[in-house]
N, C-alpha and C. Protein backbone atom coordinates (compact mmCIF):
# COMPACT_ATOMS: atom_id res chain seq x y z
N MET A 1 67.33 140.18 -104.00
CA MET A 1 67.48 140.42 -102.35
C MET A 1 68.14 139.40 -101.98
N ASP A 2 69.33 139.99 -100.88
CA ASP A 2 70.42 138.98 -100.24
C ASP A 2 69.88 138.22 -98.82
N THR A 3 70.19 137.05 -98.69
CA THR A 3 69.54 135.81 -98.20
C THR A 3 69.09 136.25 -96.97
N ASN A 4 70.11 137.03 -96.03
CA ASN A 4 69.76 137.55 -94.67
C ASN A 4 68.17 138.23 -94.94
N ARG A 5 68.40 138.95 -95.73
CA ARG A 5 66.77 139.82 -95.39
C ARG A 5 65.62 138.92 -95.83
N TYR A 6 66.43 138.07 -96.96
CA TYR A 6 64.96 136.75 -97.44
C TYR A 6 64.73 135.92 -96.05
N ALA A 7 65.37 135.44 -95.08
CA ALA A 7 65.30 134.72 -93.66
C ALA A 7 64.89 135.73 -93.13
N ASP A 8 64.75 136.69 -92.89
CA ASP A 8 64.09 137.78 -92.12
C ASP A 8 62.77 137.85 -92.41
N LEU A 9 62.26 137.89 -93.70
CA LEU A 9 60.82 137.87 -93.82
C LEU A 9 60.28 136.92 -93.93
N VAL A 10 61.16 135.78 -94.55
CA VAL A 10 60.08 134.37 -93.81
C VAL A 10 59.88 134.14 -92.60
N ASN A 11 60.71 134.04 -91.53
CA ASN A 11 60.62 134.36 -90.18
C ASN A 11 59.18 135.66 -90.36
N MET A 12 59.28 136.37 -90.51
CA MET A 12 58.31 137.48 -90.07
C MET A 12 56.94 136.92 -90.32
N TYR A 13 56.84 136.41 -91.66
CA TYR A 13 55.67 136.38 -92.65
C TYR A 13 55.11 134.80 -92.68
N ALA A 14 55.67 133.89 -92.60
CA ALA A 14 55.33 132.87 -93.02
C ALA A 14 54.38 132.19 -92.13
N ASN A 15 53.79 132.76 -90.82
CA ASN A 15 52.77 132.05 -90.17
C ASN A 15 51.74 133.29 -90.87
N ASN A 16 51.61 134.52 -90.98
CA ASN A 16 50.80 134.82 -91.95
C ASN A 16 50.36 134.34 -92.69
N VAL A 17 51.01 133.92 -93.98
CA VAL A 17 51.20 133.45 -94.95
C VAL A 17 50.10 132.26 -94.75
N TYR A 18 50.45 131.29 -93.72
CA TYR A 18 50.12 130.46 -93.70
C TYR A 18 48.54 130.17 -92.85
N LYS A 19 48.31 131.35 -92.56
CA LYS A 19 47.05 131.47 -91.95
C LYS A 19 46.02 131.86 -92.81
N ILE A 20 46.23 132.60 -93.52
CA ILE A 20 45.59 132.95 -94.78
C ILE A 20 45.56 131.70 -95.68
N ALA A 21 46.51 131.08 -96.02
CA ALA A 21 46.08 129.69 -97.06
C ALA A 21 45.64 128.59 -96.42
N VAL A 22 45.60 128.67 -94.96
CA VAL A 22 44.32 127.25 -94.00
C VAL A 22 43.22 128.06 -94.46
N SER A 23 42.85 129.41 -94.28
CA SER A 23 41.28 130.06 -94.34
C SER A 23 40.89 129.71 -95.76
N TYR A 24 41.90 129.90 -96.91
CA TYR A 24 40.98 129.89 -98.05
C TYR A 24 41.24 127.90 -98.29
N CYS A 25 42.07 127.04 -97.90
CA CYS A 25 42.16 125.90 -98.27
C CYS A 25 41.37 124.61 -97.03
N ASN A 26 41.60 125.40 -96.30
CA ASN A 26 41.25 124.51 -95.33
C ASN A 26 41.60 123.02 -94.88
N ASN A 27 42.56 123.41 -95.49
CA ASN A 27 43.76 122.13 -95.86
C ASN A 27 45.01 122.38 -94.95
N ARG A 28 45.74 121.46 -94.10
CA ARG A 28 47.40 121.65 -93.62
C ARG A 28 48.09 121.27 -94.82
N SER A 29 47.94 120.36 -95.32
CA SER A 29 48.96 119.88 -96.37
C SER A 29 48.92 121.35 -97.76
N ASP A 30 47.50 121.56 -98.15
CA ASP A 30 47.42 122.89 -98.98
C ASP A 30 48.18 123.72 -98.55
N ALA A 31 47.96 124.38 -97.53
CA ALA A 31 48.66 125.68 -97.04
C ALA A 31 49.90 125.90 -96.53
N GLU A 32 50.63 124.26 -96.45
CA GLU A 32 51.78 124.45 -96.33
C GLU A 32 52.59 124.36 -97.68
N ASP A 33 51.90 124.03 -98.62
CA ASP A 33 52.40 123.96 -100.15
C ASP A 33 52.52 125.54 -100.98
N ILE A 34 51.37 126.23 -100.46
CA ILE A 34 50.97 127.52 -101.04
C ILE A 34 51.93 128.45 -100.08
N VAL A 35 52.66 128.08 -98.85
CA VAL A 35 53.35 129.09 -98.18
C VAL A 35 55.02 129.04 -98.81
N GLN A 36 55.05 127.87 -99.30
CA GLN A 36 56.29 127.66 -100.06
C GLN A 36 55.82 128.23 -101.33
N ASN A 37 55.30 127.95 -102.40
CA ASN A 37 54.87 128.64 -103.10
C ASN A 37 55.47 130.15 -103.15
N VAL A 38 54.50 130.94 -102.18
CA VAL A 38 54.48 131.90 -101.83
C VAL A 38 55.91 132.60 -102.05
N PHE A 39 56.77 131.50 -101.00
CA PHE A 39 57.90 132.33 -100.46
C PHE A 39 58.96 132.25 -101.98
N ILE A 40 58.88 131.25 -102.56
CA ILE A 40 59.77 130.86 -104.00
C ILE A 40 59.32 132.17 -104.78
N LYS A 41 58.36 132.54 -104.76
CA LYS A 41 57.64 133.55 -105.75
C LYS A 41 58.66 135.30 -105.18
N LEU A 42 58.47 135.08 -104.03
CA LEU A 42 59.05 136.38 -103.19
C LEU A 42 60.93 136.28 -103.20
N LEU A 43 61.22 134.92 -103.77
CA LEU A 43 62.51 134.99 -103.77
C LEU A 43 62.98 135.39 -105.18
N LYS A 44 61.90 135.01 -106.12
CA LYS A 44 62.24 135.47 -107.77
C LYS A 44 61.67 136.89 -107.86
N SER A 45 61.01 137.09 -106.97
CA SER A 45 60.58 138.61 -107.72
C SER A 45 61.14 139.83 -107.83
N LYS A 46 60.82 140.77 -109.01
CA LYS A 46 62.17 141.54 -108.83
C LYS A 46 61.10 142.97 -108.24
N GLU A 47 60.35 142.78 -107.53
CA GLU A 47 59.66 143.89 -107.43
C GLU A 47 60.22 144.37 -106.19
N LYS A 48 60.31 145.83 -106.21
CA LYS A 48 60.85 147.20 -105.30
C LYS A 48 59.80 147.33 -104.35
N PHE A 49 60.56 146.68 -103.05
CA PHE A 49 59.26 146.84 -102.06
C PHE A 49 59.74 148.04 -101.14
N LYS A 50 58.60 148.50 -100.85
CA LYS A 50 59.01 150.25 -99.92
C LYS A 50 59.49 149.87 -98.39
N ASP A 51 58.65 149.33 -97.53
CA ASP A 51 59.10 148.71 -96.32
C ASP A 51 58.19 147.14 -95.93
N ASP A 52 58.83 147.00 -94.99
CA ASP A 52 58.03 145.88 -94.53
C ASP A 52 56.35 145.33 -94.69
N GLU A 53 55.49 146.46 -94.54
CA GLU A 53 54.10 146.57 -94.71
C GLU A 53 53.84 146.37 -96.38
N HIS A 54 54.69 147.07 -97.27
CA HIS A 54 54.44 146.59 -98.37
C HIS A 54 54.76 145.33 -98.77
N VAL A 55 55.80 144.40 -98.19
CA VAL A 55 56.01 143.22 -98.73
C VAL A 55 55.04 142.13 -97.87
N LYS A 56 54.55 142.59 -96.61
CA LYS A 56 53.26 141.63 -96.13
C LYS A 56 51.95 141.33 -96.96
N ARG A 57 51.75 142.73 -97.68
CA ARG A 57 50.47 143.15 -98.28
C ARG A 57 50.77 141.95 -99.94
N TRP A 58 52.10 142.41 -99.92
CA TRP A 58 52.45 141.42 -101.53
C TRP A 58 52.05 140.29 -101.37
N LEU A 59 52.59 139.51 -99.94
CA LEU A 59 52.57 138.33 -99.41
C LEU A 59 51.05 137.87 -99.22
N ILE A 60 50.45 138.86 -98.66
CA ILE A 60 49.05 138.42 -98.69
C ILE A 60 47.99 137.73 -100.53
N ARG A 61 48.40 139.14 -100.63
CA ARG A 61 48.14 138.99 -101.91
C ARG A 61 48.38 137.68 -102.81
N VAL A 62 49.55 137.12 -102.90
CA VAL A 62 50.22 136.08 -103.70
C VAL A 62 49.72 135.17 -102.88
N ALA A 63 49.53 135.14 -101.83
CA ALA A 63 48.99 134.08 -100.82
C ALA A 63 47.67 133.76 -100.82
N ILE A 64 46.81 134.74 -101.32
CA ILE A 64 45.46 134.80 -101.79
C ILE A 64 45.37 134.00 -103.59
N ASN A 65 46.44 134.55 -104.19
CA ASN A 65 45.99 133.93 -105.93
C ASN A 65 46.36 132.57 -105.58
N GLU A 66 47.54 132.39 -104.91
CA GLU A 66 47.84 131.22 -104.86
C GLU A 66 46.76 129.76 -104.00
N SER A 67 46.42 130.31 -103.21
CA SER A 67 45.05 129.69 -103.05
C SER A 67 43.84 129.61 -104.05
N LYS A 68 43.72 130.12 -104.41
CA LYS A 68 42.50 130.62 -105.29
C LYS A 68 42.96 129.31 -106.20
N ASN A 69 44.07 129.72 -106.67
CA ASN A 69 44.43 128.74 -107.86
C ASN A 69 44.61 127.18 -107.79
N MET A 70 44.87 126.75 -106.44
CA MET A 70 45.22 125.31 -105.34
C MET A 70 43.53 124.99 -105.66
N ASN A 71 42.74 126.14 -105.35
CA ASN A 71 40.89 125.29 -105.06
C ASN A 71 40.60 125.08 -106.52
N THR A 72 41.04 125.68 -107.74
CA THR A 72 40.62 125.33 -108.57
C THR A 72 41.31 124.79 -109.92
N SER A 73 42.18 124.03 -109.10
CA SER A 73 42.90 123.06 -110.22
C SER A 73 42.45 122.07 -110.53
N PHE A 74 42.72 121.20 -111.42
CA PHE A 74 42.16 120.21 -111.98
C PHE A 74 42.35 119.22 -110.82
N TRP A 75 43.25 119.02 -110.65
CA TRP A 75 43.86 118.19 -109.49
C TRP A 75 42.92 118.22 -108.03
N ARG A 76 42.74 119.36 -107.43
CA ARG A 76 41.84 119.35 -106.25
C ARG A 76 40.69 119.17 -106.42
N LYS A 77 39.88 119.04 -107.86
CA LYS A 77 38.62 119.39 -108.48
C LYS A 77 38.34 117.85 -108.26
N ARG A 78 39.18 116.57 -108.44
CA ARG A 78 39.37 115.21 -108.87
C ARG A 78 40.11 114.18 -107.62
N ILE A 79 40.05 115.00 -106.79
CA ILE A 79 40.63 114.34 -105.60
C ILE A 79 40.09 113.64 -104.93
N VAL A 80 40.17 112.19 -103.96
CA VAL A 80 38.59 111.98 -103.30
C VAL A 80 39.66 112.09 -101.61
N PRO A 81 39.04 112.97 -100.83
CA PRO A 81 39.65 113.52 -99.45
C PRO A 81 39.35 111.78 -99.03
N LEU A 82 40.61 111.88 -97.82
CA LEU A 82 40.95 110.47 -97.35
C LEU A 82 39.92 110.47 -95.66
N GLU A 83 39.59 109.40 -95.90
CA GLU A 83 38.57 109.18 -94.53
C GLU A 83 39.49 109.11 -93.34
N ASP A 84 40.57 109.07 -92.99
CA ASP A 84 41.00 109.31 -91.53
C ASP A 84 42.09 110.74 -91.49
N SER A 85 41.38 111.53 -92.70
CA SER A 85 42.15 113.10 -92.64
C SER A 85 41.85 113.62 -91.22
N GLU A 86 42.18 114.13 -90.52
CA GLU A 86 42.18 114.89 -89.22
C GLU A 86 41.31 116.13 -89.68
N PRO A 87 40.74 116.79 -88.99
CA PRO A 87 40.07 117.96 -89.61
C PRO A 87 40.99 118.76 -88.95
N ILE A 88 40.87 120.28 -89.23
CA ILE A 88 41.90 121.83 -89.01
C ILE A 88 41.88 121.95 -87.55
N ILE A 89 40.26 122.01 -86.78
CA ILE A 89 39.86 122.16 -85.49
C ILE A 89 38.87 121.50 -84.99
N ASN A 90 39.40 120.97 -83.94
CA ASN A 90 38.49 119.88 -83.39
C ASN A 90 37.48 120.93 -81.99
N THR A 91 36.31 121.04 -82.69
CA THR A 91 35.25 121.87 -82.17
C THR A 91 34.73 120.94 -81.04
N ARG A 92 35.25 119.84 -80.37
CA ARG A 92 34.75 119.08 -79.41
C ARG A 92 35.31 119.56 -78.15
N ASP A 93 36.36 119.82 -78.19
CA ASP A 93 37.08 120.57 -76.99
C ASP A 93 36.47 122.08 -76.68
N LYS A 94 35.08 122.16 -76.11
CA LYS A 94 34.74 122.69 -75.58
C LYS A 94 35.71 124.13 -74.46
N SER A 95 37.17 123.51 -73.93
CA SER A 95 37.48 123.86 -72.81
C SER A 95 38.57 125.39 -73.40
N ASP A 96 39.23 125.39 -74.74
CA ASP A 96 39.52 126.10 -75.41
C ASP A 96 38.64 127.28 -76.25
N GLU A 97 38.34 128.43 -75.97
CA GLU A 97 37.25 128.79 -76.56
C GLU A 97 37.83 129.68 -77.51
N LYS A 98 39.26 129.88 -77.92
CA LYS A 98 39.70 130.69 -78.79
C LYS A 98 40.00 129.08 -80.15
N ALA A 99 40.16 128.28 -79.68
CA ALA A 99 40.12 126.83 -80.55
C ALA A 99 38.21 126.77 -81.30
N VAL A 100 37.86 127.06 -80.38
CA VAL A 100 35.93 126.76 -80.75
C VAL A 100 35.44 127.72 -81.79
N LEU A 101 35.93 129.03 -81.15
CA LEU A 101 35.88 130.03 -82.00
C LEU A 101 36.56 130.07 -83.73
N LEU A 102 37.39 130.11 -83.48
CA LEU A 102 38.57 129.21 -84.94
C LEU A 102 37.80 128.40 -85.88
N GLY A 103 37.49 127.59 -84.89
CA GLY A 103 36.41 126.49 -85.18
C GLY A 103 35.26 127.22 -86.58
N ALA A 104 34.48 127.73 -85.53
CA ALA A 104 33.52 128.70 -86.52
C ALA A 104 33.63 129.30 -87.36
N VAL A 105 35.12 130.26 -87.66
CA VAL A 105 35.38 130.95 -88.28
C VAL A 105 35.63 130.09 -89.39
N MET A 106 36.02 129.03 -89.20
CA MET A 106 36.86 128.16 -90.45
C MET A 106 34.96 127.24 -91.28
N LYS A 107 34.05 127.24 -90.64
CA LYS A 107 32.82 127.26 -91.45
C LYS A 107 32.47 128.13 -92.03
N LEU A 108 32.96 129.74 -92.18
CA LEU A 108 32.31 130.22 -92.84
C LEU A 108 32.85 130.07 -94.37
N LYS A 109 31.59 131.12 -94.93
CA LYS A 109 32.29 130.64 -96.68
C LYS A 109 33.33 131.17 -96.84
N GLU A 110 34.12 130.94 -97.79
CA GLU A 110 35.53 131.47 -98.13
C GLU A 110 35.51 132.93 -98.00
N LYS A 111 34.51 133.28 -98.76
CA LYS A 111 34.59 135.17 -98.64
C LYS A 111 34.65 135.88 -97.68
N ASN A 112 34.11 135.31 -96.37
CA ASN A 112 33.78 136.08 -95.20
C ASN A 112 34.69 135.71 -94.51
N ARG A 113 35.35 133.87 -94.42
CA ARG A 113 36.28 133.84 -93.90
C ARG A 113 38.00 134.80 -94.02
N ILE A 114 38.08 135.28 -95.33
CA ILE A 114 39.27 135.67 -95.50
C ILE A 114 38.96 137.42 -94.82
N VAL A 115 38.09 137.63 -95.06
CA VAL A 115 38.02 139.25 -94.39
C VAL A 115 37.90 139.06 -92.69
N VAL A 116 37.46 138.08 -92.25
CA VAL A 116 37.24 137.64 -90.83
C VAL A 116 39.07 137.72 -90.85
N GLN A 117 39.91 137.29 -91.52
CA GLN A 117 41.17 136.79 -91.72
C GLN A 117 41.96 138.22 -90.90
N LEU A 118 41.24 138.77 -92.09
CA LEU A 118 42.28 140.27 -92.54
C LEU A 118 41.76 140.74 -91.38
N TYR A 119 40.71 141.01 -91.23
CA TYR A 119 40.36 142.43 -90.07
C TYR A 119 40.42 141.66 -88.74
N TYR A 120 40.43 140.71 -88.37
CA TYR A 120 40.25 140.39 -86.77
C TYR A 120 42.05 139.58 -86.49
N TYR A 121 42.43 138.91 -87.23
CA TYR A 121 43.91 138.15 -86.78
C TYR A 121 45.00 139.36 -87.32
N GLU A 122 44.65 139.68 -88.62
CA GLU A 122 46.04 140.23 -89.23
C GLU A 122 46.06 142.06 -88.92
N GLY A 123 44.63 142.42 -87.93
CA GLY A 123 44.33 143.62 -88.12
C GLY A 123 44.55 144.85 -88.84
N TYR A 124 43.91 144.40 -90.15
CA TYR A 124 43.71 145.64 -90.94
C TYR A 124 42.60 146.36 -90.95
N SER A 125 42.57 147.23 -91.57
CA SER A 125 41.15 148.43 -91.54
C SER A 125 40.32 147.95 -92.90
N VAL A 126 38.98 148.05 -92.68
CA VAL A 126 38.42 147.77 -93.76
C VAL A 126 38.97 148.46 -95.19
N LYS A 127 39.23 149.54 -95.23
CA LYS A 127 40.28 150.60 -96.42
C LYS A 127 40.78 149.76 -96.74
N GLU A 128 41.95 149.01 -95.82
CA GLU A 128 43.10 148.15 -96.33
C GLU A 128 42.74 146.81 -96.89
N ILE A 129 41.86 146.18 -96.14
CA ILE A 129 40.82 145.07 -97.06
C ILE A 129 40.93 144.99 -98.30
N ALA A 130 40.05 146.18 -98.56
CA ALA A 130 39.29 146.56 -99.87
C ALA A 130 40.61 146.61 -100.52
N GLU A 131 41.63 146.84 -100.06
CA GLU A 131 42.91 147.45 -100.95
C GLU A 131 43.53 146.12 -101.70
N ILE A 132 43.72 145.05 -100.46
CA ILE A 132 44.24 143.71 -100.38
C ILE A 132 43.50 142.89 -101.60
N LEU A 133 42.19 142.71 -101.13
CA LEU A 133 41.17 142.06 -102.09
C LEU A 133 40.94 142.40 -103.36
N ARG A 134 41.11 144.23 -103.34
CA ARG A 134 40.40 145.00 -104.78
C ARG A 134 39.07 144.67 -105.02
N ILE A 135 38.42 144.63 -103.95
CA ILE A 135 36.57 144.67 -103.94
C ILE A 135 36.77 146.03 -102.95
N LYS A 136 35.26 146.65 -103.36
CA LYS A 136 34.90 148.00 -102.79
C LYS A 136 34.89 147.93 -100.61
N GLU A 137 34.94 148.78 -100.26
CA GLU A 137 34.78 148.81 -98.88
C GLU A 137 33.25 148.29 -98.39
N THR A 138 32.52 148.73 -98.69
CA THR A 138 31.15 148.31 -98.21
C THR A 138 30.97 146.64 -98.68
N THR A 139 31.53 146.51 -99.68
CA THR A 139 31.52 144.72 -99.73
C THR A 139 31.96 144.08 -98.67
N VAL A 140 33.18 144.69 -97.97
CA VAL A 140 34.15 144.50 -97.10
C VAL A 140 33.32 144.58 -95.86
N GLN A 141 32.61 145.37 -95.58
CA GLN A 141 31.87 145.36 -94.08
C GLN A 141 30.80 144.64 -94.55
N THR A 142 29.93 144.61 -95.90
CA THR A 142 28.89 143.49 -95.52
C THR A 142 29.27 142.25 -95.46
N ARG A 143 30.26 141.73 -96.00
CA ARG A 143 30.92 140.26 -95.55
C ARG A 143 31.54 140.44 -93.91
N LEU A 144 32.11 141.34 -93.19
CA LEU A 144 32.16 141.40 -92.17
C LEU A 144 30.98 140.91 -91.38
N MET A 145 29.92 141.79 -91.74
CA MET A 145 29.13 142.02 -90.84
C MET A 145 27.97 140.24 -91.35
N ARG A 146 27.92 139.61 -92.22
CA ARG A 146 27.77 138.71 -92.58
C ARG A 146 28.14 137.62 -91.72
N ALA A 147 29.44 137.71 -91.76
CA ALA A 147 30.45 136.67 -91.07
C ALA A 147 30.08 136.74 -89.39
N ARG A 148 29.88 137.82 -88.93
CA ARG A 148 29.39 138.00 -87.62
C ARG A 148 28.49 137.17 -87.12
N ASN A 149 27.15 137.42 -88.29
CA ASN A 149 26.09 136.71 -88.17
C ASN A 149 26.02 135.35 -88.18
N ALA A 150 26.35 134.71 -88.70
CA ALA A 150 26.71 133.61 -89.43
C ALA A 150 27.87 133.07 -87.86
N LEU A 151 28.93 133.99 -87.28
CA LEU A 151 29.21 133.16 -86.28
C LEU A 151 28.78 132.69 -85.06
N ARG A 152 27.73 133.92 -84.88
CA ARG A 152 26.46 134.24 -83.53
C ARG A 152 25.66 132.75 -83.79
N GLU A 153 24.91 132.57 -85.11
CA GLU A 153 24.15 131.18 -85.31
C GLU A 153 25.18 129.88 -85.21
N ILE A 154 26.48 129.78 -85.70
CA ILE A 154 27.37 128.85 -85.11
C ILE A 154 27.36 128.50 -83.77
N VAL A 155 28.01 129.46 -83.19
CA VAL A 155 28.43 129.30 -81.79
C VAL A 155 27.19 128.82 -80.64
N LYS A 156 26.08 129.60 -81.01
CA LYS A 156 24.55 129.20 -80.75
C LYS A 156 24.45 127.75 -80.85
N GLU A 157 24.56 127.35 -82.04
CA GLU A 157 23.88 125.86 -82.10
C GLU A 157 25.50 125.14 -81.79
N ASP A 158 26.43 125.51 -81.73
CA ASP A 158 27.15 124.61 -80.91
C ASP A 158 26.81 124.35 -79.38
N TRP A 159 26.71 125.72 -79.08
CA TRP A 159 26.41 126.01 -77.40
C TRP A 159 25.23 125.12 -76.96
N LEU A 160 24.14 125.13 -77.86
CA LEU A 160 22.79 124.30 -77.49
C LEU A 160 22.56 122.64 -77.78
N ASN A 161 23.63 122.62 -78.67
CA ASN A 161 24.03 120.72 -78.59
C ASN A 161 24.88 120.61 -77.89
N GLU A 162 25.62 120.91 -76.80
CA GLU A 162 26.29 120.47 -76.29
C GLU A 162 25.59 119.86 -74.99
């Protein structure tokens, strides 16, 4: 892969990969590490990509795998979080509805959070998500339904606590 093509791919998809990593790890620093690892793997890859969509799907799949590896690593299990570390989304700022919704999404279980990310933020269909995650379409639909129900409860709870 030539350097110009690689730079174009990084510019096009780094943000997508970062969002996936953040949704899995819920940690900016780990997500940044994952983005670097994913694009290093792209650079070293011998994969013959058909088109940009094929590249994007490959990057998402690698980002998911890297995130899972990060979450199950020995290091991750043994670290103690810093008390002064900042949360990814401050849900106290009720003026920005998108930030509140993203904060609610980040409270979802990991498996539901990733399907919401791919469906609503990345624009993939249920069928495409099933292919990317290597699960059944009905499983994707179930996770989306559960995520929507959980989001309703989270947002309602935040609104009542206001």
